Amino acid sequence: MRENLENKKKRALSIIAVFENVYGDADCTLDYSSALELLIATQLAAQCTDARVNLVTPALFDRYKTVHDFANADPDELSSLIHSTGFYRNKTKNIIACCKKLIADFGGEVPKTMDELLSLPGVGRKTANLVLGDVFGIPGIVVDTHAGRLARRMGFTTNTDPYKVELDLLKIIPPKHQSQFCHQLVFHGREFCDARKPRCLECPIKDLCPQKL
């Protein structure tokens, strides 16, 4: 029988209750100390692991401390510092352009709305929602590879397009839980719900997941 929206919401709340117990302190796995640093770290994390980004950013943020530093960065020098994150030429171009736009349009500050964040080079909905949720406390759904995979396995969406997954989860996950839930999905994906070999028998939400129902 197809599960209706209300039952999905109830099941989601039960999953959230388990996650609060198991991963209650889950937070962003990228290291940062400001909105600008998170904005840049998230851009670097595209097609790269957070662990790798966290190895790169200490030297990067020590070299470039302000939005003006990044905006005026020498592309070759910046590229050399972020080379190991992959796609470094495009990331270098976007980071410099992003910071120039921050200065030109937003007084050098990271904006607090989705539309404004999406106007920045190199910034998509995943990055925007992460910054809004973690820095400004504005609820949102961050759809990374973990969130997409787990949302489908949990029966909360059948979509593969990240934006459609986001829209489906917005209907199911209460705003007050959205940002934290997405971080918890990352931890759960790494600990139990691996893409290739999910540990379903040991999973703390096995009785709430359609994979085992």
N, C-alpha and C. Protein backbone atom coordinates (compact mmCIF):
# COMPACT_ATOMS: atom_id res chain seq x y z
N MET A 1 0.84 -1.19 0.00
CA MET A 1 0.00 0.00 0.00
C MET A 1 0.88 1.25 0.00
N ARG A 2 0.48 2.21 -0.82
CA ARG A 2 1.25 3.45 -0.91
C ARG A 2 1.06 4.29 0.35
N GLU A 3 2.15 4.78 0.90
CA GLU A 3 2.11 5.56 2.13
C GLU A 3 1.70 7.00 1.84
N ASN A 4 0.71 7.50 2.58
CA ASN A 4 0.28 8.88 2.34
C ASN A 4 1.19 9.85 3.08
N LEU A 5 1.01 11.14 2.77
CA LEU A 5 1.90 12.16 3.30
C LEU A 5 1.86 12.23 4.82
N GLU A 6 0.69 12.12 5.40
CA GLU A 6 0.59 12.22 6.87
C GLU A 6 1.34 11.09 7.55
N ASN A 7 1.26 9.90 6.99
CA ASN A 7 1.99 8.77 7.58
C ASN A 7 3.50 8.93 7.40
N LYS A 8 3.90 9.53 6.28
CA LYS A 8 5.32 9.82 6.08
C LYS A 8 5.81 10.80 7.14
N LYS A 9 4.98 11.81 7.43
CA LYS A 9 5.35 12.80 8.44
C LYS A 9 5.50 12.15 9.82
N LYS A 10 4.58 11.25 10.16
CA LYS A 10 4.64 10.57 11.45
C LYS A 10 5.87 9.68 11.53
N ARG A 11 6.15 8.97 10.45
CA ARG A 11 7.31 8.09 10.43
C ARG A 11 8.60 8.91 10.50
N ALA A 12 8.59 10.05 9.83
CA ALA A 12 9.76 10.93 9.87
C ALA A 12 10.04 11.41 11.29
N LEU A 13 9.01 11.76 12.01
CA LEU A 13 9.19 12.20 13.40
C LEU A 13 9.75 11.08 14.26
N SER A 14 9.34 9.85 14.00
CA SER A 14 9.88 8.71 14.74
C SER A 14 11.35 8.50 14.41
N ILE A 15 11.70 8.67 13.14
CA ILE A 15 13.11 8.55 12.74
C ILE A 15 13.94 9.66 13.37
N ILE A 16 13.39 10.87 13.37
CA ILE A 16 14.09 12.01 13.98
C ILE A 16 14.35 11.75 15.45
N ALA A 17 13.36 11.15 16.14
CA ALA A 17 13.53 10.85 17.57
C ALA A 17 14.69 9.89 17.79
N VAL A 18 14.82 8.90 16.92
CA VAL A 18 15.94 7.97 17.02
C VAL A 18 17.26 8.69 16.71
N PHE A 19 17.24 9.48 15.65
CA PHE A 19 18.46 10.22 15.28
C PHE A 19 18.90 11.17 16.39
N GLU A 20 17.94 11.79 17.06
CA GLU A 20 18.29 12.70 18.15
C GLU A 20 19.04 11.96 19.25
N ASN A 21 18.69 10.72 19.44
CA ASN A 21 19.36 9.92 20.46
C ASN A 21 20.73 9.43 19.99
N VAL A 22 20.80 9.03 18.71
CA VAL A 22 22.03 8.44 18.19
C VAL A 22 23.02 9.49 17.68
N TYR A 23 22.48 10.52 16.99
CA TYR A 23 23.34 11.54 16.38
C TYR A 23 22.95 12.95 16.83
N GLY A 24 22.49 13.08 18.04
CA GLY A 24 21.93 14.36 18.49
C GLY A 24 22.84 15.55 18.31
N ASP A 25 24.15 15.34 18.43
CA ASP A 25 25.09 16.45 18.34
C ASP A 25 25.70 16.58 16.94
N ALA A 26 25.11 15.90 15.97
CA ALA A 26 25.64 15.98 14.61
C ALA A 26 25.59 17.41 14.09
N ASP A 27 26.71 17.84 13.53
CA ASP A 27 26.73 19.18 12.94
C ASP A 27 27.50 19.12 11.63
N CYS A 28 27.73 20.25 11.03
CA CYS A 28 28.41 20.31 9.75
C CYS A 28 29.79 19.67 9.85
N THR A 29 30.12 18.83 8.88
CA THR A 29 31.42 18.16 8.91
C THR A 29 32.52 18.96 8.23
N LEU A 30 32.19 20.15 7.77
CA LEU A 30 33.21 21.07 7.26
C LEU A 30 33.66 22.00 8.39
N ASP A 31 34.95 22.27 8.46
CA ASP A 31 35.48 23.17 9.48
C ASP A 31 35.42 24.61 8.97
N TYR A 32 34.88 25.50 9.81
CA TYR A 32 34.79 26.90 9.43
C TYR A 32 34.58 27.74 10.68
N SER A 33 34.85 29.05 10.57
CA SER A 33 34.65 29.93 11.71
C SER A 33 33.85 31.18 11.34
N SER A 34 33.37 31.24 10.09
CA SER A 34 32.57 32.39 9.67
C SER A 34 31.72 31.99 8.48
N ALA A 35 30.76 32.85 8.17
CA ALA A 35 29.89 32.59 7.02
C ALA A 35 30.71 32.51 5.74
N LEU A 36 31.69 33.38 5.59
CA LEU A 36 32.53 33.37 4.39
C LEU A 36 33.30 32.06 4.28
N GLU A 37 33.87 31.60 5.38
CA GLU A 37 34.63 30.37 5.35
C GLU A 37 33.75 29.18 4.99
N LEU A 38 32.53 29.12 5.53
CA LEU A 38 31.63 28.03 5.18
C LEU A 38 31.22 28.10 3.72
N LEU A 39 30.97 29.31 3.24
CA LEU A 39 30.60 29.50 1.84
C LEU A 39 31.70 28.96 0.92
N ILE A 40 32.93 29.27 1.23
CA ILE A 40 34.05 28.82 0.40
C ILE A 40 34.32 27.33 0.58
N ALA A 41 34.28 26.85 1.82
CA ALA A 41 34.52 25.43 2.07
C ALA A 41 33.50 24.56 1.36
N THR A 42 32.26 25.01 1.32
CA THR A 42 31.21 24.23 0.66
C THR A 42 31.42 24.20 -0.84
N GLN A 43 31.90 25.29 -1.40
CA GLN A 43 32.22 25.28 -2.83
C GLN A 43 33.36 24.31 -3.11
N LEU A 44 34.34 24.26 -2.22
CA LEU A 44 35.45 23.34 -2.40
C LEU A 44 35.02 21.88 -2.28
N ALA A 45 33.94 21.65 -1.52
CA ALA A 45 33.48 20.29 -1.26
C ALA A 45 32.75 19.67 -2.45
N ALA A 46 32.46 20.45 -3.48
CA ALA A 46 31.82 19.89 -4.67
C ALA A 46 32.73 18.84 -5.30
N GLN A 47 32.22 17.63 -5.46
CA GLN A 47 32.99 16.52 -6.03
C GLN A 47 34.26 16.24 -5.23
N CYS A 48 34.16 16.48 -3.92
CA CYS A 48 35.31 16.24 -3.04
C CYS A 48 34.77 15.91 -1.65
N THR A 49 35.53 15.14 -0.88
CA THR A 49 35.09 14.80 0.46
C THR A 49 35.31 15.96 1.42
N ASP A 50 34.47 16.04 2.44
CA ASP A 50 34.65 17.06 3.46
C ASP A 50 35.99 16.87 4.18
N ALA A 51 36.39 15.64 4.37
CA ALA A 51 37.66 15.37 5.04
C ALA A 51 38.82 15.97 4.26
N ARG A 52 38.80 15.84 2.95
CA ARG A 52 39.86 16.42 2.13
C ARG A 52 39.83 17.94 2.20
N VAL A 53 38.63 18.52 2.15
CA VAL A 53 38.50 19.97 2.24
C VAL A 53 39.06 20.47 3.57
N ASN A 54 38.78 19.74 4.64
CA ASN A 54 39.27 20.15 5.96
C ASN A 54 40.79 20.10 6.08
N LEU A 55 41.43 19.32 5.22
CA LEU A 55 42.89 19.31 5.19
C LEU A 55 43.44 20.53 4.46
N VAL A 56 42.64 21.07 3.56
CA VAL A 56 43.07 22.19 2.71
C VAL A 56 42.80 23.55 3.36
N THR A 57 41.67 23.68 4.02
CA THR A 57 41.22 25.01 4.47
C THR A 57 42.07 25.68 5.55
N PRO A 58 42.75 24.96 6.45
CA PRO A 58 43.56 25.70 7.43
C PRO A 58 44.58 26.62 6.77
N ALA A 59 45.34 26.11 5.82
CA ALA A 59 46.33 26.94 5.13
C ALA A 59 45.65 27.99 4.25
N LEU A 60 44.53 27.60 3.65
CA LEU A 60 43.80 28.52 2.78
C LEU A 60 43.28 29.72 3.56
N PHE A 61 42.66 29.45 4.70
CA PHE A 61 42.07 30.54 5.48
C PHE A 61 43.12 31.32 6.26
N ASP A 62 44.29 30.74 6.41
CA ASP A 62 45.39 31.49 7.00
C ASP A 62 45.98 32.47 5.99
N ARG A 63 45.98 32.05 4.72
CA ARG A 63 46.51 32.92 3.66
C ARG A 63 45.52 34.01 3.26
N TYR A 64 44.25 33.64 3.17
CA TYR A 64 43.20 34.59 2.77
C TYR A 64 42.22 34.73 3.92
N LYS A 65 42.30 35.84 4.62
CA LYS A 65 41.52 36.01 5.85
C LYS A 65 40.22 36.79 5.65
N THR A 66 40.12 37.55 4.58
CA THR A 66 38.94 38.39 4.37
C THR A 66 38.39 38.19 2.96
N VAL A 67 37.19 38.71 2.75
CA VAL A 67 36.58 38.63 1.42
C VAL A 67 37.42 39.38 0.40
N HIS A 68 38.06 40.47 0.83
CA HIS A 68 38.93 41.23 -0.08
C HIS A 68 40.18 40.43 -0.44
N ASP A 69 40.70 39.65 0.50
CA ASP A 69 41.85 38.81 0.21
C ASP A 69 41.52 37.81 -0.90
N PHE A 70 40.36 37.19 -0.80
CA PHE A 70 39.95 36.22 -1.82
C PHE A 70 39.65 36.91 -3.14
N ALA A 71 38.98 38.05 -3.08
CA ALA A 71 38.62 38.76 -4.31
C ALA A 71 39.85 39.18 -5.10
N ASN A 72 40.93 39.49 -4.39
CA ASN A 72 42.15 39.97 -5.03
C ASN A 72 43.23 38.90 -5.14
N ALA A 73 42.84 37.66 -4.92
CA ALA A 73 43.82 36.57 -4.92
C ALA A 73 44.42 36.36 -6.30
N ASP A 74 45.67 35.96 -6.30
CA ASP A 74 46.31 35.55 -7.54
C ASP A 74 45.76 34.16 -7.88
N PRO A 75 45.18 33.98 -9.06
CA PRO A 75 44.55 32.70 -9.40
C PRO A 75 45.49 31.50 -9.30
N ASP A 76 46.73 31.68 -9.71
CA ASP A 76 47.68 30.57 -9.67
C ASP A 76 47.98 30.16 -8.23
N GLU A 77 48.14 31.16 -7.36
CA GLU A 77 48.42 30.85 -5.96
C GLU A 77 47.23 30.18 -5.30
N LEU A 78 46.04 30.72 -5.55
CA LEU A 78 44.84 30.13 -4.97
C LEU A 78 44.64 28.71 -5.48
N SER A 79 44.86 28.51 -6.76
CA SER A 79 44.71 27.17 -7.35
C SER A 79 45.65 26.17 -6.71
N SER A 80 46.88 26.62 -6.41
CA SER A 80 47.86 25.70 -5.82
C SER A 80 47.43 25.25 -4.43
N LEU A 81 46.72 26.11 -3.72
CA LEU A 81 46.28 25.77 -2.36
C LEU A 81 45.07 24.85 -2.35
N ILE A 82 44.25 24.90 -3.40
CA ILE A 82 43.03 24.09 -3.42
C ILE A 82 43.12 22.95 -4.44
N HIS A 83 44.29 22.76 -5.01
CA HIS A 83 44.48 21.79 -6.09
C HIS A 83 43.93 20.42 -5.75
N SER A 84 44.17 19.96 -4.54
CA SER A 84 43.81 18.58 -4.18
C SER A 84 42.31 18.36 -4.03
N THR A 85 41.51 19.42 -4.06
CA THR A 85 40.05 19.25 -3.95
C THR A 85 39.41 18.93 -5.29
N GLY A 86 40.20 18.98 -6.36
CA GLY A 86 39.67 18.67 -7.68
C GLY A 86 38.97 19.85 -8.32
N PHE A 87 38.88 19.83 -9.65
CA PHE A 87 38.22 20.90 -10.40
C PHE A 87 38.69 22.27 -9.93
N TYR A 88 39.98 22.36 -9.62
CA TYR A 88 40.51 23.54 -8.93
C TYR A 88 40.48 24.80 -9.78
N ARG A 89 40.60 24.65 -11.10
CA ARG A 89 40.55 25.86 -11.94
C ARG A 89 39.18 26.51 -11.88
N ASN A 90 38.15 25.71 -12.01
CA ASN A 90 36.79 26.25 -11.96
C ASN A 90 36.46 26.78 -10.57
N LYS A 91 36.92 26.07 -9.54
CA LYS A 91 36.67 26.51 -8.17
C LYS A 91 37.39 27.83 -7.89
N THR A 92 38.61 27.95 -8.38
CA THR A 92 39.36 29.20 -8.22
C THR A 92 38.61 30.36 -8.87
N LYS A 93 38.17 30.15 -10.10
CA LYS A 93 37.44 31.18 -10.83
C LYS A 93 36.18 31.59 -10.07
N ASN A 94 35.42 30.61 -9.58
CA ASN A 94 34.17 30.90 -8.88
C ASN A 94 34.39 31.60 -7.54
N ILE A 95 35.40 31.16 -6.80
CA ILE A 95 35.66 31.76 -5.49
C ILE A 95 36.03 33.24 -5.64
N ILE A 96 36.91 33.54 -6.57
CA ILE A 96 37.30 34.94 -6.78
C ILE A 96 36.11 35.77 -7.25
N ALA A 97 35.34 35.24 -8.21
CA ALA A 97 34.17 35.96 -8.72
C ALA A 97 33.11 36.12 -7.64
N CYS A 98 32.93 35.09 -6.83
CA CYS A 98 31.96 35.14 -5.74
C CYS A 98 32.31 36.26 -4.76
N CYS A 99 33.56 36.32 -4.38
CA CYS A 99 33.98 37.33 -3.41
C CYS A 99 33.94 38.74 -3.99
N LYS A 100 34.23 38.87 -5.28
CA LYS A 100 34.09 40.18 -5.93
C LYS A 100 32.63 40.63 -5.90
N LYS A 101 31.72 39.70 -6.12
CA LYS A 101 30.30 40.04 -6.11
C LYS A 101 29.82 40.35 -4.69
N LEU A 102 30.36 39.62 -3.71
CA LEU A 102 30.02 39.93 -2.31
C LEU A 102 30.38 41.39 -1.99
N ILE A 103 31.53 41.82 -2.46
CA ILE A 103 31.97 43.19 -2.21
C ILE A 103 31.12 44.19 -2.98
N ALA A 104 30.88 43.89 -4.25
CA ALA A 104 30.16 44.83 -5.11
C ALA A 104 28.68 44.97 -4.76
N ASP A 105 28.05 43.85 -4.40
CA ASP A 105 26.60 43.85 -4.23
C ASP A 105 26.12 43.75 -2.79
N PHE A 106 26.98 43.25 -1.90
CA PHE A 106 26.50 42.97 -0.54
C PHE A 106 27.41 43.54 0.54
N GLY A 107 28.18 44.55 0.20
CA GLY A 107 29.03 45.20 1.19
C GLY A 107 30.07 44.30 1.80
N GLY A 108 30.42 43.23 1.08
CA GLY A 108 31.43 42.31 1.59
C GLY A 108 30.91 41.28 2.56
N GLU A 109 29.59 41.29 2.80
CA GLU A 109 28.98 40.34 3.73
C GLU A 109 28.26 39.22 2.99
N VAL A 110 28.21 38.04 3.59
CA VAL A 110 27.46 36.93 3.01
C VAL A 110 25.97 37.20 3.23
N PRO A 111 25.17 37.21 2.16
CA PRO A 111 23.75 37.54 2.30
C PRO A 111 22.96 36.45 3.01
N LYS A 112 21.74 36.80 3.43
CA LYS A 112 20.94 35.91 4.26
C LYS A 112 19.67 35.40 3.58
N THR A 113 19.60 35.51 2.26
CA THR A 113 18.42 34.98 1.57
C THR A 113 18.86 34.02 0.47
N MET A 114 17.97 33.10 0.14
CA MET A 114 18.26 32.11 -0.89
C MET A 114 18.55 32.78 -2.22
N ASP A 115 17.69 33.69 -2.64
CA ASP A 115 17.86 34.32 -3.95
C ASP A 115 19.20 35.06 -4.05
N GLU A 116 19.57 35.76 -2.99
CA GLU A 116 20.84 36.49 -3.01
C GLU A 116 22.03 35.54 -3.05
N LEU A 117 21.96 34.47 -2.27
CA LEU A 117 23.05 33.50 -2.28
C LEU A 117 23.18 32.82 -3.64
N LEU A 118 22.05 32.52 -4.27
CA LEU A 118 22.09 31.86 -5.57
C LEU A 118 22.62 32.77 -6.67
N SER A 119 22.67 34.07 -6.40
CA SER A 119 23.21 35.00 -7.39
C SER A 119 24.74 34.98 -7.41
N LEU A 120 25.34 34.31 -6.43
CA LEU A 120 26.80 34.27 -6.31
C LEU A 120 27.37 33.16 -7.19
N PRO A 121 28.44 33.44 -7.91
CA PRO A 121 29.09 32.41 -8.72
C PRO A 121 29.50 31.20 -7.88
N GLY A 122 29.21 30.01 -8.40
CA GLY A 122 29.61 28.79 -7.71
C GLY A 122 28.71 28.35 -6.59
N VAL A 123 27.61 29.07 -6.36
CA VAL A 123 26.72 28.74 -5.24
C VAL A 123 25.40 28.17 -5.77
N GLY A 124 25.09 26.94 -5.36
CA GLY A 124 23.83 26.31 -5.69
C GLY A 124 22.97 26.17 -4.45
N ARG A 125 21.87 25.48 -4.57
CA ARG A 125 20.92 25.36 -3.46
C ARG A 125 21.52 24.62 -2.27
N LYS A 126 22.36 23.61 -2.53
CA LYS A 126 22.95 22.87 -1.42
C LYS A 126 23.81 23.80 -0.56
N THR A 127 24.67 24.56 -1.21
CA THR A 127 25.52 25.51 -0.49
C THR A 127 24.69 26.56 0.21
N ALA A 128 23.71 27.11 -0.51
CA ALA A 128 22.88 28.17 0.07
C ALA A 128 22.12 27.68 1.29
N ASN A 129 21.52 26.51 1.20
CA ASN A 129 20.77 25.98 2.35
C ASN A 129 21.67 25.68 3.53
N LEU A 130 22.88 25.22 3.26
CA LEU A 130 23.82 24.93 4.35
C LEU A 130 24.21 26.21 5.07
N VAL A 131 24.53 27.25 4.32
CA VAL A 131 24.90 28.53 4.92
C VAL A 131 23.72 29.14 5.68
N LEU A 132 22.55 29.11 5.07
CA LEU A 132 21.37 29.67 5.73
C LEU A 132 21.08 28.95 7.04
N GLY A 133 21.16 27.63 7.02
CA GLY A 133 20.82 26.85 8.21
C GLY A 133 21.87 26.93 9.30
N ASP A 134 23.14 26.75 8.92
CA ASP A 134 24.19 26.64 9.93
C ASP A 134 24.69 27.98 10.44
N VAL A 135 24.63 28.99 9.60
CA VAL A 135 25.14 30.30 10.02
C VAL A 135 24.02 31.21 10.50
N PHE A 136 22.91 31.21 9.79
CA PHE A 136 21.85 32.17 10.08
C PHE A 136 20.61 31.55 10.74
N GLY A 137 20.61 30.24 10.95
CA GLY A 137 19.50 29.59 11.63
C GLY A 137 18.20 29.61 10.85
N ILE A 138 18.29 29.68 9.53
CA ILE A 138 17.12 29.68 8.67
C ILE A 138 16.90 28.26 8.16
N PRO A 139 15.77 27.61 8.48
CA PRO A 139 15.56 26.21 8.12
C PRO A 139 15.68 25.96 6.63
N GLY A 140 16.17 24.79 6.31
CA GLY A 140 16.29 24.40 4.91
C GLY A 140 16.77 22.96 4.82
N ILE A 141 16.62 22.38 3.65
CA ILE A 141 17.04 21.00 3.41
C ILE A 141 18.28 21.00 2.51
N VAL A 142 19.35 20.45 3.03
CA VAL A 142 20.60 20.34 2.27
C VAL A 142 20.63 18.96 1.62
N VAL A 143 20.52 18.92 0.31
CA VAL A 143 20.50 17.64 -0.39
C VAL A 143 21.88 17.34 -0.98
N ASP A 144 22.64 16.53 -0.26
CA ASP A 144 23.90 16.04 -0.79
C ASP A 144 23.68 14.58 -1.19
N THR A 145 24.76 13.86 -1.48
CA THR A 145 24.59 12.48 -1.92
C THR A 145 23.97 11.61 -0.84
N HIS A 146 24.32 11.87 0.42
CA HIS A 146 23.74 11.11 1.52
C HIS A 146 22.23 11.36 1.64
N ALA A 147 21.85 12.62 1.65
CA ALA A 147 20.44 12.96 1.81
C ALA A 147 19.59 12.39 0.69
N GLY A 148 20.07 12.49 -0.53
CA GLY A 148 19.32 11.95 -1.66
C GLY A 148 19.15 10.44 -1.56
N ARG A 149 20.24 9.75 -1.30
CA ARG A 149 20.20 8.28 -1.21
C ARG A 149 19.32 7.82 -0.06
N LEU A 150 19.50 8.41 1.12
CA LEU A 150 18.74 7.98 2.28
C LEU A 150 17.27 8.34 2.17
N ALA A 151 16.97 9.50 1.60
CA ALA A 151 15.56 9.89 1.43
C ALA A 151 14.83 8.90 0.54
N ARG A 152 15.51 8.42 -0.49
CA ARG A 152 14.89 7.42 -1.36
C ARG A 152 14.73 6.09 -0.63
N ARG A 153 15.76 5.67 0.09
CA ARG A 153 15.67 4.40 0.81
C ARG A 153 14.61 4.44 1.90
N MET A 154 14.46 5.61 2.52
CA MET A 154 13.46 5.76 3.57
C MET A 154 12.04 5.90 3.03
N GLY A 155 11.92 6.01 1.72
CA GLY A 155 10.60 6.12 1.12
C GLY A 155 10.01 7.51 1.19
N PHE A 156 10.87 8.52 1.37
CA PHE A 156 10.38 9.90 1.44
C PHE A 156 10.36 10.59 0.08
N THR A 157 10.99 9.97 -0.91
CA THR A 157 10.99 10.51 -2.26
C THR A 157 11.33 9.40 -3.23
N THR A 158 10.92 9.58 -4.48
CA THR A 158 11.34 8.68 -5.54
C THR A 158 12.22 9.42 -6.54
N ASN A 159 12.46 10.69 -6.25
CA ASN A 159 13.19 11.54 -7.18
C ASN A 159 14.71 11.41 -7.02
N THR A 160 15.41 11.66 -8.11
CA THR A 160 16.87 11.71 -8.07
C THR A 160 17.38 13.13 -8.25
N ASP A 161 16.58 14.01 -8.80
CA ASP A 161 16.97 15.41 -8.94
C ASP A 161 17.02 16.06 -7.56
N PRO A 162 18.16 16.65 -7.17
CA PRO A 162 18.29 17.21 -5.82
C PRO A 162 17.20 18.21 -5.44
N TYR A 163 16.80 19.06 -6.38
CA TYR A 163 15.78 20.06 -6.05
C TYR A 163 14.43 19.40 -5.76
N LYS A 164 14.09 18.36 -6.52
CA LYS A 164 12.83 17.65 -6.28
C LYS A 164 12.88 16.89 -4.96
N VAL A 165 14.05 16.34 -4.63
CA VAL A 165 14.22 15.69 -3.33
C VAL A 165 14.02 16.72 -2.21
N GLU A 166 14.62 17.88 -2.39
CA GLU A 166 14.47 18.96 -1.40
C GLU A 166 13.00 19.30 -1.20
N LEU A 167 12.25 19.46 -2.27
CA LEU A 167 10.83 19.81 -2.18
C LEU A 167 10.04 18.71 -1.47
N ASP A 168 10.37 17.46 -1.75
CA ASP A 168 9.67 16.35 -1.09
C ASP A 168 9.96 16.34 0.41
N LEU A 169 11.21 16.54 0.78
CA LEU A 169 11.57 16.53 2.21
C LEU A 169 11.00 17.73 2.95
N LEU A 170 10.88 18.86 2.27
CA LEU A 170 10.29 20.04 2.90
C LEU A 170 8.85 19.80 3.33
N LYS A 171 8.17 18.90 2.63
CA LYS A 171 6.78 18.58 2.97
C LYS A 171 6.69 17.65 4.18
N ILE A 172 7.79 16.96 4.46
CA ILE A 172 7.76 15.89 5.46
C ILE A 172 8.48 16.26 6.76
N ILE A 173 9.61 16.94 6.65
CA ILE A 173 10.43 17.26 7.82
C ILE A 173 10.05 18.63 8.37
N PRO A 174 9.64 18.73 9.64
CA PRO A 174 9.28 20.03 10.23
C PRO A 174 10.46 21.00 10.17
N PRO A 175 10.19 22.29 9.95
CA PRO A 175 11.27 23.28 9.83
C PRO A 175 12.29 23.25 10.96
N LYS A 176 11.84 23.07 12.19
CA LYS A 176 12.77 23.12 13.32
C LYS A 176 13.78 21.97 13.31
N HIS A 177 13.48 20.93 12.54
CA HIS A 177 14.39 19.77 12.48
C HIS A 177 15.20 19.72 11.19
N GLN A 178 14.91 20.55 10.23
CA GLN A 178 15.44 20.37 8.88
C GLN A 178 16.97 20.40 8.81
N SER A 179 17.57 21.44 9.32
CA SER A 179 19.03 21.56 9.21
C SER A 179 19.74 20.44 9.94
N GLN A 180 19.31 20.16 11.16
CA GLN A 180 19.93 19.10 11.95
C GLN A 180 19.71 17.73 11.33
N PHE A 181 18.51 17.51 10.80
CA PHE A 181 18.18 16.23 10.17
C PHE A 181 19.15 15.94 9.02
N CYS A 182 19.46 16.95 8.25
CA CYS A 182 20.37 16.76 7.11
C CYS A 182 21.77 16.39 7.57
N HIS A 183 22.23 16.99 8.66
CA HIS A 183 23.52 16.60 9.21
C HIS A 183 23.47 15.17 9.74
N GLN A 184 22.36 14.82 10.37
CA GLN A 184 22.21 13.47 10.90
C GLN A 184 22.20 12.44 9.78
N LEU A 185 21.63 12.80 8.63
CA LEU A 185 21.64 11.89 7.49
C LEU A 185 23.06 11.59 7.04
N VAL A 186 23.93 12.60 7.08
CA VAL A 186 25.32 12.39 6.70
C VAL A 186 25.97 11.36 7.64
N PHE A 187 25.77 11.54 8.93
CA PHE A 187 26.35 10.62 9.90
C PHE A 187 25.77 9.22 9.73
N HIS A 188 24.45 9.16 9.51
CA HIS A 188 23.80 7.86 9.35
C HIS A 188 24.26 7.16 8.07
N GLY A 189 24.42 7.95 7.02
CA GLY A 189 24.88 7.39 5.76
C GLY A 189 26.27 6.79 5.88
N ARG A 190 27.12 7.44 6.64
CA ARG A 190 28.48 6.95 6.81
C ARG A 190 28.54 5.76 7.75
N GLU A 191 27.70 5.78 8.78
CA GLU A 191 27.77 4.74 9.80
C GLU A 191 27.02 3.46 9.40
N PHE A 192 25.85 3.61 8.82
CA PHE A 192 25.00 2.44 8.55
C PHE A 192 24.53 2.32 7.10
N CYS A 193 24.11 3.43 6.50
CA CYS A 193 23.42 3.36 5.21
C CYS A 193 24.37 3.66 4.06
N ASP A 194 25.42 2.86 3.98
CA ASP A 194 26.42 3.01 2.93
C ASP A 194 25.78 2.78 1.56
N ALA A 195 26.31 3.45 0.56
CA ALA A 195 25.73 3.34 -0.78
C ALA A 195 25.79 1.91 -1.30
N ARG A 196 26.89 1.20 -1.04
CA ARG A 196 27.07 -0.13 -1.60
C ARG A 196 26.70 -1.26 -0.65
N LYS A 197 27.03 -1.08 0.63
CA LYS A 197 26.79 -2.16 1.59
C LYS A 197 26.10 -1.62 2.85
N PRO A 198 24.81 -1.29 2.74
CA PRO A 198 24.09 -0.80 3.93
C PRO A 198 24.00 -1.88 5.00
N ARG A 199 24.20 -1.46 6.24
CA ARG A 199 24.15 -2.41 7.38
C ARG A 199 22.75 -2.42 7.96
N CYS A 200 21.80 -2.92 7.18
CA CYS A 200 20.39 -2.83 7.56
C CYS A 200 20.07 -3.57 8.86
N LEU A 201 20.68 -4.71 9.07
CA LEU A 201 20.36 -5.50 10.26
C LEU A 201 20.78 -4.80 11.55
N GLU A 202 21.79 -3.94 11.46
CA GLU A 202 22.27 -3.22 12.64
C GLU A 202 21.71 -1.81 12.73
N CYS A 203 20.95 -1.40 11.74
CA CYS A 203 20.49 -0.01 11.63
C CYS A 203 19.51 0.35 12.75
N PRO A 204 19.70 1.48 13.43
CA PRO A 204 18.81 1.88 14.52
C PRO A 204 17.40 2.26 14.06
N ILE A 205 17.21 2.48 12.77
CA ILE A 205 15.86 2.79 12.28
C ILE A 205 15.32 1.70 11.36
N LYS A 206 15.85 0.49 11.51
CA LYS A 206 15.45 -0.59 10.60
C LYS A 206 13.95 -0.87 10.63
N ASP A 207 13.32 -0.65 11.78
CA ASP A 207 11.87 -0.91 11.88
C ASP A 207 11.04 0.25 11.33
N LEU A 208 11.69 1.33 10.96
CA LEU A 208 10.99 2.50 10.43
C LEU A 208 11.30 2.74 8.96
N CYS A 209 12.10 1.87 8.39
CA CYS A 209 12.56 2.06 7.02
C CYS A 209 11.91 1.04 6.09
N PRO A 210 11.36 1.48 4.96
CA PRO A 210 10.73 0.57 4.01
C PRO A 210 11.66 -0.52 3.50
N GLN A 211 12.96 -0.29 3.59
CA GLN A 211 13.90 -1.30 3.17
C GLN A 211 13.75 -2.58 3.97
N LYS A 212 13.20 -2.43 5.19
CA LYS A 212 13.04 -3.60 6.06
C LYS A 212 11.59 -3.86 6.42
N LEU A 213 10.67 -3.02 5.94
CA LEU A 213 9.26 -3.22 6.30
C LEU A 213 8.65 -4.33 5.47
